Amino acid sequence: MSTGGCRNGSAGALGTLKQRLSSDRLQFVHEQGGVVLNYEQLKVWDANRRILAAGFEKNNDAYAINVETAGAAYPITIDPISTTAAATLESNQVSAQMGVSVGSAGDVNGDGYSEVIVGLPKVLAQATENSKSGCPIKQATAF
């Protein structure tokens, strides 16, 4: 990245979160909860829709997006994808194969939100030999 680029998106100090940085990804990780914030798939283009070289970088205690702006037509669009896990689900049984299938159950309880159905074929298989799948239902808003 050139030093003549524009910078945007300073994150500042983030307390107890650990940071993982590469030119195409910036992650903030809690030691017990895993990734809590993820920036990736950075795309930058100018007013003529010309793709501009860009990447994440660290400057002292702050994070930035460095963009190569030479010859760019303004305005410039900087578009990283920010994702966070809405929920982390786990089984309390080894080899339960939780999540081997996932789908929408529709609005089961009539609250206006679709519920999620998650397959657990090995959980009920141990409880009942005839069972081939299990499926807890969670509200989408709970995730």
Protein backbone atom coordinates (compact mmCIF):
# COMPACT_ATOMS: atom_id res chain seq x y z
CA MET A 1 0.00 0.00 0.00
CA SER A 2 1.24 3.46 -0.77
CA THR A 3 1.56 6.02 1.99
CA GLY A 4 -0.35 8.54 -0.13
CA GLY A 5 -3.68 6.80 0.31
CA CYS A 6 -6.70 7.93 2.30
CA ARG A 7 -7.47 6.37 5.64
CA ASN A 8 -10.83 5.51 7.09
CA GLY A 9 -12.27 3.38 9.87
CA SER A 10 -10.00 3.86 12.86
CA ALA A 11 -11.00 1.35 15.52
CA GLY A 12 -8.96 2.61 18.49
CA ALA A 13 -8.18 0.62 21.65
CA LEU A 14 -10.46 -2.37 22.25
CA GLY A 15 -9.82 -3.44 25.81
CA THR A 16 -9.43 -7.19 26.34
CA LEU A 17 -10.12 -8.27 22.76
CA LYS A 18 -7.22 -9.72 20.81
CA GLN A 19 -6.77 -8.57 17.24
CA ARG A 20 -5.88 -10.61 14.15
CA LEU A 21 -4.77 -8.57 11.18
CA SER A 22 -3.91 -9.36 7.58
CA SER A 23 -4.19 -7.15 4.51
CA ASP A 24 -7.63 -8.61 3.67
CA ARG A 25 -9.11 -9.28 7.13
CA LEU A 26 -9.35 -7.65 10.55
CA GLN A 27 -10.79 -9.68 13.42
CA PHE A 28 -11.43 -8.88 17.08
CA VAL A 29 -11.37 -12.03 19.19
CA HIS A 30 -12.48 -12.68 22.77
CA GLU A 31 -10.32 -15.29 24.49
CA GLN A 32 -13.35 -17.33 25.57
CA GLY A 33 -16.04 -16.34 23.07
CA GLY A 34 -14.11 -16.49 19.80
CA VAL A 35 -14.45 -13.94 17.00
CA VAL A 36 -16.80 -11.12 18.03
CA LEU A 37 -16.22 -8.79 15.08
CA ASN A 38 -14.91 -9.59 11.63
CA TYR A 39 -14.12 -7.20 8.75
CA GLU A 40 -13.25 -8.83 5.44
CA GLN A 41 -13.89 -8.87 1.69
CA LEU A 42 -12.78 -5.25 1.46
CA LYS A 43 -13.85 -3.69 -1.81
CA VAL A 44 -13.01 -0.13 -2.83
CA TRP A 45 -13.93 1.67 -6.04
CA ASP A 46 -14.02 5.19 -7.38
CA ALA A 47 -16.79 7.21 -9.09
CA ASN A 48 -15.94 5.53 -12.42
CA ARG A 49 -16.31 2.08 -10.81
CA ARG A 50 -12.58 1.46 -11.09
CA ILE A 51 -11.38 -0.97 -8.41
CA LEU A 52 -8.77 0.57 -6.09
CA ALA A 53 -6.11 -1.33 -4.16
CA ALA A 54 -6.83 -1.30 -0.42
CA GLY A 55 -6.01 -3.16 2.76
CA PHE A 56 -6.31 -3.11 6.53
CA GLU A 57 -3.35 -1.91 8.58
CA LYS A 58 -2.36 -1.03 12.12
CA ASN A 59 -0.93 2.35 13.10
CA ASN A 60 0.18 2.36 16.74
CA ASP A 61 -3.04 1.55 18.68
CA ALA A 62 -5.48 2.24 15.83
CA TYR A 63 -6.58 0.26 12.80
CA ALA A 64 -7.18 1.81 9.41
CA ILE A 65 -8.09 1.04 5.84
CA ASN A 66 -5.38 2.25 3.47
CA VAL A 67 -6.56 2.98 -0.08
CA GLU A 68 -4.39 3.69 -3.13
CA THR A 69 -6.06 6.84 -4.46
CA ALA A 70 -3.66 7.88 -7.25
CA GLY A 71 -5.73 8.73 -10.33
CA ALA A 72 -9.03 7.97 -8.60
CA ALA A 73 -12.23 9.85 -9.42
CA TYR A 74 -14.04 11.01 -6.29
CA PRO A 75 -16.17 10.05 -4.41
CA ILE A 76 -14.56 6.79 -3.37
CA THR A 77 -16.64 3.94 -1.94
CA ILE A 78 -15.05 1.82 0.82
CA ASP A 79 -17.06 -1.31 1.50
CA PRO A 80 -15.77 -3.93 3.94
CA ILE A 81 -18.14 -6.66 5.03
CA SER A 82 -18.63 -6.62 8.79
CA THR A 83 -19.91 -9.79 10.38
CA THR A 84 -20.49 -11.01 13.89
CA ALA A 85 -21.83 -14.28 15.11
CA ALA A 86 -25.43 -13.76 16.14
CA ALA A 87 -25.35 -16.96 18.17
CA THR A 88 -23.09 -19.82 18.98
CA LEU A 89 -24.87 -23.11 19.42
CA GLU A 90 -23.30 -26.28 20.73
CA SER A 91 -24.38 -29.71 21.80
CA ASN A 92 -23.56 -31.12 25.21
CA GLN A 93 -22.97 -34.49 23.57
CA VAL A 94 -19.82 -35.59 21.74
CA SER A 95 -20.42 -36.50 18.07
CA ALA A 96 -24.03 -35.29 18.10
CA GLN A 97 -23.54 -33.98 14.55
CA MET A 98 -25.37 -30.81 15.48
CA GLY A 99 -25.94 -28.65 12.43
CA VAL A 100 -25.58 -31.46 9.91
CA SER A 101 -28.79 -29.93 8.53
CA VAL A 102 -30.21 -26.45 9.16
CA GLY A 103 -33.34 -24.84 7.77
CA SER A 104 -36.23 -22.47 8.29
CA ALA A 105 -39.19 -23.86 10.20
CA GLY A 106 -41.43 -20.91 9.31
CA ASP A 107 -43.28 -18.93 11.95
CA VAL A 108 -44.06 -21.84 14.29
CA ASN A 109 -45.18 -19.84 17.34
CA GLY A 110 -47.00 -17.02 15.53
CA ASP A 111 -44.72 -14.20 16.72
CA GLY A 112 -44.02 -12.94 13.19
CA TYR A 113 -40.47 -14.31 13.06
CA SER A 114 -39.28 -17.44 11.36
CA GLU A 115 -37.80 -20.08 13.63
CA VAL A 116 -34.68 -22.09 12.81
CA ILE A 117 -34.57 -25.86 12.86
CA VAL A 118 -31.22 -27.58 13.54
CA GLY A 119 -30.58 -31.27 12.91
CA LEU A 120 -29.10 -33.41 15.72
CA PRO A 121 -29.21 -36.94 14.29
CA LYS A 122 -26.92 -38.58 16.85
CA VAL A 123 -28.55 -37.12 20.00
CA LEU A 124 -31.89 -38.84 19.65
CA ALA A 125 -30.36 -41.88 18.00
CA GLN A 126 -28.78 -42.72 21.34
CA ALA A 127 -32.00 -42.08 23.25
CA THR A 128 -34.22 -44.02 20.85
CA GLU A 129 -32.96 -46.42 18.22
CA ASN A 130 -35.75 -45.44 15.82
CA SER A 131 -34.90 -41.70 15.91
CA LYS A 132 -32.80 -40.32 13.08
CA SER A 133 -32.89 -36.59 13.79
CA GLY A 134 -33.65 -34.10 16.47
CA CYS A 135 -34.45 -30.45 16.07
CA PRO A 136 -34.54 -27.77 18.71
CA ILE A 137 -36.43 -24.67 17.60
CA LYS A 138 -35.09 -21.21 18.38
CA GLN A 139 -36.55 -17.84 17.51
CA ALA A 140 -34.54 -15.88 14.94
CA THR A 141 -34.59 -12.85 17.25
CA ALA A 142 -32.89 -14.90 20.00
CA PHE A 143 -29.89 -15.34 17.74
